[in-house]
Amino acid sequence: MQKTENMAGGMSYRTMNGIDTSHIMKYLEGTNENSSIQIFLKNRDYYIASANKTISRLELTKKG
């Protein structure tokens, strides 16, 4: 991880030096129930979409 990189919900995000992120840190860190659920749902949707894209690519290689 780089100096300006942090983790949230199992994924990393980068911030610029000098940017005040204190207002969104509770959400990014998932420190309340609502943000934890939102982070989980976004991660779930991302990984499902990624898996579907991989499956589609594999199916295309079978046809080629």
Protein backbone atom coordinates (compact mmCIF):
# COMPACT_ATOMS: atom_id res chain seq x y z
CA MET A 1 0.00 0.00 0.00
CA GLN A 2 1.20 3.50 -0.78
CA LYS A 3 1.44 6.38 1.69
CA THR A 4 -1.81 7.96 0.46
CA GLU A 5 -3.67 4.66 0.19
CA ASN A 6 -6.20 3.41 2.76
CA MET A 7 -8.48 0.39 3.05
CA ALA A 8 -12.28 0.38 3.25
CA GLY A 9 -14.54 -2.63 2.95
CA GLY A 10 -11.70 -4.80 1.66
CA MET A 11 -10.86 -2.41 -1.17
CA SER A 12 -8.24 0.30 -1.27
CA TYR A 13 -8.77 3.93 -2.13
CA ARG A 14 -6.31 6.78 -2.57
CA THR A 15 -6.47 10.26 -1.16
CA MET A 16 -4.51 13.35 -2.08
CA ASN A 17 -2.25 14.83 0.55
CA GLY A 18 -3.86 17.79 2.31
CA ILE A 19 -7.45 16.76 1.53
CA ASP A 20 -9.68 16.69 4.63
CA THR A 21 -11.49 13.35 4.54
CA SER A 22 -12.69 13.43 8.16
CA HIS A 23 -16.30 13.98 7.08
CA ILE A 24 -16.45 10.76 5.10
CA MET A 25 -14.12 8.54 7.12
CA LYS A 26 -16.90 6.93 9.18
CA TYR A 27 -18.58 5.88 5.93
CA LEU A 28 -15.35 4.72 4.30
CA GLU A 29 -14.30 2.76 7.35
CA GLY A 30 -17.75 1.21 7.76
CA THR A 31 -17.97 2.31 11.38
CA ASN A 32 -21.73 2.47 11.47
CA GLU A 33 -24.28 -0.16 10.55
CA ASN A 34 -25.72 1.76 7.57
CA SER A 35 -22.36 2.35 5.90
CA SER A 36 -21.24 -1.24 6.58
CA ILE A 37 -24.34 -2.53 4.78
CA GLN A 38 -23.81 -0.12 1.88
CA ILE A 39 -20.16 -1.11 1.53
CA PHE A 40 -21.11 -4.81 1.63
CA LEU A 41 -23.77 -4.36 -1.07
CA LYS A 42 -21.45 -2.37 -3.35
CA ASN A 43 -18.69 -4.95 -2.92
CA ARG A 44 -21.14 -7.77 -3.60
CA ASP A 45 -22.41 -6.11 -6.78
CA TYR A 46 -18.86 -5.35 -7.93
CA TYR A 47 -17.64 -8.92 -7.45
CA ILE A 48 -20.73 -10.44 -9.09
CA ALA A 49 -20.31 -8.13 -12.10
CA SER A 50 -16.60 -9.00 -12.26
CA ALA A 51 -17.35 -12.73 -12.16
CA ASN A 52 -20.00 -12.36 -14.88
CA LYS A 53 -17.53 -10.44 -17.06
CA THR A 54 -14.93 -13.18 -16.59
CA ILE A 55 -17.47 -15.86 -17.48
CA SER A 56 -18.45 -13.95 -20.64
CA ARG A 57 -14.81 -13.62 -21.67
CA LEU A 58 -14.23 -17.34 -21.15
CA GLU A 59 -17.30 -18.15 -23.24
CA LEU A 60 -15.98 -15.91 -26.02
CA THR A 61 -12.64 -17.71 -26.01
CA LYS A 62 -14.45 -21.05 -26.40
CA LYS A 63 -16.17 -19.75 -29.54
CA GLY A 64 -12.94 -18.34 -31.01
